[in-house]
C-alpha atoms as a PDB file:
ATOM      1  CA  MET A   1      -0.065   0.030  -0.003  1.00  0.00           C
ATOM      2  CA  GLY A   2       2.813   2.470   0.799  1.00  0.00           C
ATOM      3  CA  THR A   3       2.960   5.766   2.590  1.00  0.00           C
ATOM      4  CA  THR A   4       1.798   9.368   1.494  1.00  0.00           C
ATOM      5  CA  ILE A   5       3.438  11.920   3.428  1.00  0.00           C
ATOM      6  CA  GLU A   6       1.899  15.428   3.586  1.00  0.00           C
ATOM      7  CA  VAL A   7       4.277  18.227   5.536  1.00  0.00           C
ATOM      8  CA  GLY A   8       2.339  21.286   6.636  1.00  0.00           C
ATOM      9  CA  PRO A   9      -1.432  20.226   6.116  1.00  0.00           C
ATOM     10  CA  GLY A  10      -2.856  23.099   7.890  1.00  0.00           C
ATOM     11  CA  PRO A  11      -6.637  22.693   8.095  1.00  0.00           C
ATOM     12  CA  GLY A  12      -6.440  19.872   5.815  1.00  0.00           C
ATOM     13  CA  GLY A  13      -7.360  20.839   2.294  1.00  0.00           C
ATOM     14  CA  LEU A  14      -4.933  18.656   0.163  1.00  0.00           C
ATOM     15  CA  THR A  15      -5.217  16.186   3.135  1.00  0.00           C
ATOM     16  CA  ARG A  16      -9.082  15.631   2.126  1.00  0.00           C
ATOM     17  CA  ALA A  17      -8.240  15.789  -1.727  1.00  0.00           C
ATOM     18  CA  LEU A  18      -5.458  12.961  -0.962  1.00  0.00           C
ATOM     19  CA  LEU A  19      -7.947  10.626   0.694  1.00  0.00           C
ATOM     20  CA  LEU A  20     -10.681  11.471  -1.674  1.00  0.00           C
ATOM     21  CA  GLU A  21      -8.407  10.345  -4.761  1.00  0.00           C
ATOM     22  CA  GLY A  22      -7.747   7.276  -3.048  1.00  0.00           C
ATOM     23  CA  ALA A  23      -4.419   7.372  -0.877  1.00  0.00           C
ATOM     24  CA  GLY A  24      -4.552   4.301   1.190  1.00  0.00           C
ATOM     25  CA  ARG A  25      -2.564   5.496   3.989  1.00  0.00           C
ATOM     26  CA  VAL A  26      -1.613   9.393   4.697  1.00  0.00           C
ATOM     27  CA  VAL A  27       0.622  10.611   7.233  1.00  0.00           C
ATOM     28  CA  ALA A  28       0.240  14.803   7.782  1.00  0.00           C
ATOM     29  CA  VAL A  29       2.787  16.365   9.835  1.00  0.00           C
ATOM     30  CA  GLU A  30       1.810  19.403  11.445  1.00  0.00           C
ATOM     31  CA  LYS A  31       3.690  21.981  13.518  1.00  0.00           C
ATOM     32  CA  ASP A  32       0.531  24.334  14.218  1.00  0.00           C
ATOM     33  CA  PRO A  33      -1.595  23.232  17.202  1.00  0.00           C
ATOM     34  CA  ARG A  34      -4.364  25.438  15.514  1.00  0.00           C
ATOM     35  CA  CYS A  35      -4.817  22.942  12.969  1.00  0.00           C
ATOM     36  CA  ARG A  36      -5.385  20.191  15.403  1.00  0.00           C
ATOM     37  CA  GLU A  37      -9.132  20.184  15.668  1.00  0.00           C
ATOM     38  CA  ALA A  38      -9.862  20.229  11.819  1.00  0.00           C
ATOM     39  CA  LEU A  39      -7.198  17.378  11.009  1.00  0.00           C
ATOM     40  CA  ALA A  40      -8.589  15.604  13.863  1.00  0.00           C
ATOM     41  CA  GLU A  41     -12.333  16.003  12.040  1.00  0.00           C
ATOM     42  CA  ILE A  42     -10.364  14.612   8.588  1.00  0.00           C
ATOM     43  CA  ALA A  43      -9.118  11.597  10.466  1.00  0.00           C
ATOM     44  CA  ALA A  44     -12.481  10.701  12.545  1.00  0.00           C
ATOM     45  CA  ALA A  45     -13.898  10.760   9.174  1.00  0.00           C
ATOM     46  CA  ALA A  46     -11.659   8.693   7.158  1.00  0.00           C
ATOM     47  CA  ALA A  47     -11.442   4.709   7.560  1.00  0.00           C
ATOM     48  CA  PRO A  48      -9.496   3.512  10.328  1.00  0.00           C
ATOM     49  CA  GLY A  49      -5.721   3.604   9.683  1.00  0.00           C
ATOM     50  CA  ARG A  50      -6.210   6.016   6.451  1.00  0.00           C
ATOM     51  CA  LEU A  51      -4.851   9.153   8.280  1.00  0.00           C
ATOM     52  CA  ARG A  52      -2.326   9.575  10.902  1.00  0.00           C
ATOM     53  CA  VAL A  53      -1.982  13.060  12.319  1.00  0.00           C
ATOM     54  CA  ILE A  54       1.729  13.803  13.683  1.00  0.00           C
ATOM     55  CA  GLU A  55       2.018  17.244  15.670  1.00  0.00           C
ATOM     56  CA  ALA A  56       5.631  17.869  15.088  1.00  0.00           C
ATOM     57  CA  ASP A  57       8.454  20.016  13.188  1.00  0.00           C
ATOM     58  CA  ALA A  58       8.795  18.089   9.811  1.00  0.00           C
ATOM     59  CA  LEU A  59      12.355  19.589   9.729  1.00  0.00           C
ATOM     60  CA  ARG A  60      12.891  17.065  12.939  1.00  0.00           C
ATOM     61  CA  VAL A  61      11.028  13.927  11.629  1.00  0.00           C
ATOM     62  CA  ARG A  62      12.800  11.420   9.435  1.00  0.00           C
ATOM     63  CA  LEU A  63      10.401  10.086   6.525  1.00  0.00           C
ATOM     64  CA  ALA A  64      11.650   6.616   6.850  1.00  0.00           C
ATOM     65  CA  GLU A  65      10.008   6.324  10.165  1.00  0.00           C
ATOM     66  CA  LEU A  66       6.691   7.871   9.347  1.00  0.00           C
ATOM     67  CA  GLY A  67       5.293   4.706   7.753  1.00  0.00           C
ATOM     68  CA  PRO A  68       6.135   1.513   5.115  1.00  0.00           C
ATOM     69  CA  PRO A  69       7.518   1.873   1.940  1.00  0.00           C
ATOM     70  CA  PRO A  70       7.240   2.991  -0.843  1.00  0.00           C
ATOM     71  CA  ARG A  71       6.793   6.559   0.623  1.00  0.00           C
ATOM     72  CA  GLN A  72       5.532   9.472  -1.683  1.00  0.00           C
ATOM     73  CA  ILE A  73       5.759  13.100  -0.266  1.00  0.00           C
ATOM     74  CA  VAL A  74       3.100  15.669  -1.653  1.00  0.00           C
ATOM     75  CA  ALA A  75       2.968  18.729   0.004  1.00  0.00           C
ATOM     76  CA  ASN A  76       2.013  22.465  -0.118  1.00  0.00           C
ATOM     77  CA  LEU A  77       5.670  23.497   1.335  1.00  0.00           C
ATOM     78  CA  PRO A  78       5.677  26.334   3.777  1.00  0.00           C
ATOM     79  CA  TYR A  79       7.647  28.915   1.984  1.00  0.00           C
ATOM     80  CA  ASN A  80       9.659  30.028   5.003  1.00  0.00           C
ATOM     81  CA  ILE A  81      11.093  26.387   5.750  1.00  0.00           C
ATOM     82  CA  GLY A  82      11.012  24.867   1.863  1.00  0.00           C
ATOM     83  CA  THR A  83      14.467  24.740   1.068  1.00  0.00           C
ATOM     84  CA  ALA A  84      15.256  23.542   4.376  1.00  0.00           C
ATOM     85  CA  LEU A  85      12.921  20.863   3.850  1.00  0.00           C
ATOM     86  CA  LEU A  86      14.102  19.710   0.642  1.00  0.00           C
ATOM     87  CA  VAL A  87      18.030  19.906   1.592  1.00  0.00           C
ATOM     88  CA  ALA A  88      16.869  17.645   4.641  1.00  0.00           C
ATOM     89  CA  TRP A  89      14.943  15.085   2.667  1.00  0.00           C
ATOM     90  CA  LEU A  90      17.632  14.985   0.123  1.00  0.00           C
ATOM     91  CA  GLY A  91      20.247  14.231   2.978  1.00  0.00           C
ATOM     92  CA  GLU A  92      17.983  11.452   3.825  1.00  0.00           C
ATOM     93  CA  LEU A  93      17.672  10.158   0.592  1.00  0.00           C
ATOM     94  CA  ALA A  94      21.382  10.111   0.238  1.00  0.00           C
ATOM     95  CA  GLU A  95      21.946   7.785   3.121  1.00  0.00           C
ATOM     96  CA  ASN A  96      19.088   5.678   2.654  1.00  0.00           C
ATOM     97  CA  PRO A  97      17.701   5.269  -1.154  1.00  0.00           C
ATOM     98  CA  GLU A  98      14.485   3.772   0.266  1.00  0.00           C
ATOM     99  CA  ALA A  99      13.448   6.814   2.313  1.00  0.00           C
ATOM    100  CA  TRP A 100      11.112   7.971  -0.366  1.00  0.00           C
ATOM    101  CA  THR A 101      10.216   7.169  -3.935  1.00  0.00           C
ATOM    102  CA  GLY A 102       9.044  10.651  -5.169  1.00  0.00           C
ATOM    103  CA  ALA A 103       8.153  14.122  -3.967  1.00  0.00           C
ATOM    104  CA  THR A 104       5.423  16.410  -5.605  1.00  0.00           C
ATOM    105  CA  VAL A 105       5.297  19.695  -3.675  1.00  0.00           C
ATOM    106  CA  MET A 106       4.540  23.236  -4.412  1.00  0.00           C
ATOM    107  CA  LEU A 107       6.819  26.076  -3.400  1.00  0.00           C
ATOM    108  CA  GLN A 108       8.039  29.362  -4.097  1.00  0.00           C
ATOM    109  CA  ARG A 109       8.807  29.707  -7.996  1.00  0.00           C
ATOM    110  CA  GLU A 110      12.255  30.904  -7.378  1.00  0.00           C
ATOM    111  CA  VAL A 111      12.995  27.707  -5.204  1.00  0.00           C
ATOM    112  CA  ALA A 112      11.475  25.066  -7.846  1.00  0.00           C
ATOM    113  CA  ALA A 113      13.430  26.692 -10.283  1.00  0.00           C
ATOM    114  CA  ARG A 114      16.759  26.477  -8.562  1.00  0.00           C
ATOM    115  CA  LEU A 115      15.971  22.582  -8.153  1.00  0.00           C
ATOM    116  CA  ALA A 116      16.139  22.435 -12.009  1.00  0.00           C
ATOM    117  CA  ALA A 117      18.583  25.012 -13.167  1.00  0.00           C
ATOM    118  CA  ALA A 118      21.142  24.269 -15.567  1.00  0.00           C
ATOM    119  CA  PRO A 119      24.687  25.400 -15.350  1.00  0.00           C
ATOM    120  CA  ARG A 120      25.649  29.122 -16.165  1.00  0.00           C
ATOM    121  CA  SER A 121      22.217  29.764 -15.336  1.00  0.00           C
ATOM    122  CA  LYS A 122      21.137  32.504 -12.445  1.00  0.00           C
ATOM    123  CA  GLY A 123      19.738  29.889 -10.018  1.00  0.00           C
ATOM    124  CA  TYR A 124      22.358  27.322 -10.695  1.00  0.00           C
ATOM    125  CA  GLY A 125      23.626  26.562  -7.134  1.00  0.00           C
ATOM    126  CA  ARG A 126      24.231  24.184  -4.334  1.00  0.00           C
ATOM    127  CA  LEU A 127      20.507  23.131  -4.032  1.00  0.00           C
ATOM    128  CA  ALA A 128      20.671  22.251  -8.027  1.00  0.00           C
ATOM    129  CA  VAL A 129      23.588  20.214  -7.621  1.00  0.00           C
ATOM    130  CA  ILE A 130      22.331  18.103  -4.883  1.00  0.00           C
ATOM    131  CA  ALA A 131      18.988  17.778  -5.943  1.00  0.00           C
ATOM    132  CA  GLN A 132      20.007  16.578  -9.622  1.00  0.00           C
ATOM    133  CA  TRP A 133      22.798  14.385  -8.122  1.00  0.00           C
ATOM    134  CA  LEU A 134      19.863  12.277  -6.513  1.00  0.00           C
ATOM    135  CA  THR A 135      16.929  12.867  -8.258  1.00  0.00           C
ATOM    136  CA  GLU A 136      15.290  14.167 -11.617  1.00  0.00           C
ATOM    137  CA  PRO A 137      13.561  17.507 -10.863  1.00  0.00           C
ATOM    138  CA  ARG A 138      10.686  18.234 -13.307  1.00  0.00           C
ATOM    139  CA  LEU A 139       8.804  21.687 -13.046  1.00  0.00           C
ATOM    140  CA  LEU A 140       5.372  20.702 -13.743  1.00  0.00           C
ATOM    141  CA  PHE A 141       3.153  23.954 -13.457  1.00  0.00           C
ATOM    142  CA  ASP A 142       2.869  27.373 -11.956  1.00  0.00           C
ATOM    143  CA  VAL A 143       0.037  28.736  -9.484  1.00  0.00           C
ATOM    144  CA  PRO A 144      -1.038  32.222  -9.480  1.00  0.00           C
ATOM    145  CA  PRO A 145      -1.142  33.886  -5.952  1.00  0.00           C
ATOM    146  CA  SER A 146      -5.066  34.679  -7.058  1.00  0.00           C
ATOM    147  CA  ALA A 147      -5.578  30.824  -6.505  1.00  0.00           C
ATOM    148  CA  PHE A 148      -4.855  31.419  -2.568  1.00  0.00           C
ATOM    149  CA  VAL A 149      -6.547  33.217   0.460  1.00  0.00           C
ATOM    150  CA  PRO A 150      -5.316  35.287   1.264  1.00  0.00           C
ATOM    151  CA  PRO A 151      -3.062  35.749  -2.099  1.00  0.00           C
ATOM    152  CA  PRO A 152       0.805  35.294  -1.319  1.00  0.00           C
ATOM    153  CA  LYS A 153       3.084  38.159  -2.881  1.00  0.00           C
ATOM    154  CA  VAL A 154       4.974  35.589  -5.033  1.00  0.00           C
ATOM    155  CA  VAL A 155       4.051  32.840  -7.826  1.00  0.00           C
ATOM    156  CA  SER A 156       3.858  29.041  -6.597  1.00  0.00           C
ATOM    157  CA  SER A 157       5.207  26.079  -8.684  1.00  0.00           C
ATOM    158  CA  VAL A 158       4.736  22.441  -8.364  1.00  0.00           C
ATOM    159  CA  VAL A 159       7.779  20.361  -8.957  1.00  0.00           C
ATOM    160  CA  GLN A 160       8.353  16.617  -8.920  1.00  0.00           C
ATOM    161  CA  LEU A 161      11.623  14.986  -7.794  1.00  0.00           C
ATOM    162  CA  VAL A 162      11.912  11.492  -8.791  1.00  0.00           C
ATOM    163  CA  PRO A 163      14.734   9.745  -7.344  1.00  0.00           C
ATOM    164  CA  ARG A 164      17.524   8.458  -9.625  1.00  0.00           C
ATOM    165  CA  ALA A 165      18.374   4.374  -9.641  1.00  0.00           C
ATOM    166  CA  GLN A 166      21.761   5.750  -8.590  1.00  0.00           C
ATOM    167  CA  PRO A 167      23.231   9.075  -7.790  1.00  0.00           C
ATOM    168  CA  LEU A 168      24.154  10.783 -11.334  1.00  0.00           C
ATOM    169  CA  ALA A 169      27.957  10.202 -10.392  1.00  0.00           C
ATOM    170  CA  PRO A 170      29.944   8.501  -7.584  1.00  0.00           C
ATOM    171  CA  ALA A 171      30.798  10.969  -4.566  1.00  0.00           C
ATOM    172  CA  ARG A 172      30.203  10.791  -0.808  1.00  0.00           C
ATOM    173  CA  ARG A 173      27.401  13.233   0.474  1.00  0.00           C
ATOM    174  CA  ARG A 174      29.566  14.918   2.760  1.00  0.00           C
ATOM    175  CA  ASP A 175      32.625  15.399   0.466  1.00  0.00           C
ATOM    176  CA  LEU A 176      30.134  16.911  -2.337  1.00  0.00           C
ATOM    177  CA  GLU A 177      28.788  19.242   0.300  1.00  0.00           C
ATOM    178  CA  ARG A 178      32.142  20.520   1.516  1.00  0.00           C
ATOM    179  CA  VAL A 179      33.083  21.003  -2.263  1.00  0.00           C
ATOM    180  CA  THR A 180      29.770  22.857  -3.544  1.00  0.00           C
ATOM    181  CA  GLN A 181      29.828  25.038  -0.255  1.00  0.00           C
ATOM    182  CA  ALA A 182      33.215  26.184  -1.026  1.00  0.00           C
ATOM    183  CA  ALA A 183      32.752  26.688  -4.648  1.00  0.00           C
ATOM    184  CA  PHE A 184      29.539  28.555  -4.491  1.00  0.00           C
ATOM    185  CA  GLY A 185      30.307  30.375  -1.367  1.00  0.00           C
ATOM    186  CA  GLN A 186      32.697  32.691  -3.830  1.00  0.00           C
ATOM    187  CA  ARG A 187      30.875  32.059  -7.087  1.00  0.00           C
ATOM    188  CA  ARG A 188      31.800  34.927  -8.540  1.00  0.00           C
ATOM    189  CA  LYS A 189      35.817  34.096  -8.332  1.00  0.00           C
ATOM    190  CA  MET A 190      37.735  30.907  -9.978  1.00  0.00           C
ATOM    191  CA  LEU A 191      37.951  27.696  -8.660  1.00  0.00           C
ATOM    192  CA  ARG A 192      41.708  28.169  -7.744  1.00  0.00           C
ATOM    193  CA  GLN A 193      40.666  30.810  -5.215  1.00  0.00           C
ATOM    194  CA  SER A 194      37.126  29.502  -4.066  1.00  0.00           C
ATOM    195  CA  LEU A 195      38.365  26.098  -3.433  1.00  0.00           C
ATOM    196  CA  LYS A 196      41.136  27.367  -1.064  1.00  0.00           C
ATOM    197  CA  PRO A 197      39.571  26.548   2.216  1.00  0.00           C
ATOM    198  CA  LEU A 198      39.328  22.913   1.189  1.00  0.00           C
ATOM    199  CA  GLY A 199      43.083  22.462   1.130  1.00  0.00           C
ATOM    200  CA  ASP A 200      45.422  22.289  -1.941  1.00  0.00           C
ATOM    201  CA  ALA A 201      42.930  24.024  -4.444  1.00  0.00           C
ATOM    202  CA  ALA A 202      45.438  23.550  -7.470  1.00  0.00           C
ATOM    203  CA  ALA A 203      45.914  19.718  -6.653  1.00  0.00           C
ATOM    204  CA  LEU A 204      42.247  18.884  -6.459  1.00  0.00           C
ATOM    205  CA  LEU A 205      41.847  20.683  -9.898  1.00  0.00           C
ATOM    206  CA  ALA A 206      44.732  18.880 -11.345  1.00  0.00           C
ATOM    207  CA  ALA A 207      43.482  15.614 -10.310  1.00  0.00           C
ATOM    208  CA  THR A 208      40.039  16.426 -12.096  1.00  0.00           C
ATOM    209  CA  GLY A 209      41.468  18.065 -15.269  1.00  0.00           C
ATOM    210  CA  LEU A 210      39.252  21.183 -14.284  1.00  0.00           C
ATOM    211  CA  PRO A 211      40.805  24.440 -15.486  1.00  0.00           C
ATOM    212  CA  GLU A 212      41.896  26.478 -12.325  1.00  0.00           C
ATOM    213  CA  THR A 213      40.206  29.413 -13.997  1.00  0.00           C
ATOM    214  CA  ALA A 214      36.858  27.984 -14.126  1.00  0.00           C
ATOM    215  CA  ARG A 215      34.096  29.361 -12.026  1.00  0.00           C
ATOM    216  CA  ALA A 216      31.516  27.200  -9.880  1.00  0.00           C
ATOM    217  CA  GLU A 217      28.497  28.123 -12.217  1.00  0.00           C
ATOM    218  CA  GLU A 218      30.426  26.749 -15.148  1.00  0.00           C
ATOM    219  CA  LEU A 219      30.579  23.197 -13.714  1.00  0.00           C
ATOM    220  CA  ALA A 220      28.139  20.268 -14.420  1.00  0.00           C
ATOM    221  CA  VAL A 221      27.045  18.227 -11.618  1.00  0.00           C
ATOM    222  CA  GLU A 222      29.639  15.209 -12.589  1.00  0.00           C
ATOM    223  CA  ASP A 223      32.241  17.649 -12.454  1.00  0.00           C
ATOM    224  CA  PHE A 224      31.604  18.468  -8.631  1.00  0.00           C
ATOM    225  CA  CYS A 225      31.070  14.517  -8.016  1.00  0.00           C
ATOM    226  CA  ALA A 226      34.875  14.451  -9.371  1.00  0.00           C
ATOM    227  CA  LEU A 227      35.958  17.022  -7.131  1.00  0.00           C
ATOM    228  CA  ALA A 228      34.354  15.389  -4.061  1.00  0.00           C
ATOM    229  CA  ARG A 229      35.945  12.028  -4.972  1.00  0.00           C
ATOM    230  CA  ALA A 230      39.258  14.147  -5.330  1.00  0.00           C
ATOM    231  CA  LEU A 231      38.925  15.349  -1.930  1.00  0.00           C
ATOM    232  CA  ALA A 232      38.298  12.194  -0.585  1.00  0.00           C
ATOM    233  CA  GLY A 233      41.070  10.686  -2.173  1.00  0.00           C
ATOM    234  CA  GLN A 234      38.876   8.570  -3.953  1.00  0.00           C
ATOM    235  CA  PRO A 235      39.732   7.061  -7.775  1.00  0.00           C
ATOM    236  CA  LEU A 236      37.975   9.166 -10.634  1.00  0.00           C
ATOM    237  CA  SER A 237      36.835   6.769 -12.754  1.00  0.00           C
END
């Protein structure tokens, strides 16, 4: 049967829709106690076992503990923690490839665009590299402010993350995070300068064959993985 995980259900509009559309088991994670009564009513009306409401901070919850696999995430993410949630979920996926099998979420369009951003584009950065290393991000459609009450000041987008059968290229998560943090932390500088916090930047670049004059935004995901492997002293092939 699997588990559908909803984060930030609020009063339960999407929760009701998920149940009506046939989701066999929904786990809703909501931090705001003001939503407790509305969610309890939905749970009471649902068939036993179909809806479980957890009052918790989603950033402190591990998805693999919320129900049996396969686990699908379907959520309207709170804008203030949307990026942090995505980073946490990707981190859990890196540790456990069975943590979740797909995510369809709505969030601020700017963040959604960053997930699928290509090298040399404005939105390309650490989030794009980690997301594309582990998943295939697909931008589905935009949702205008007029669709909400009250309307937000930004356009929303629905994006789908489909985990890859294998990461795009071999690398250890912690090494990849260190490399991307250093490179994009000074994204306007050449790699020979931005990678200095990692040690011998020239040696790292020589080991991968990447030019010292390149900048972070010019590298493909596979290039960052090569740098991560070089940082760890692992083979490049």
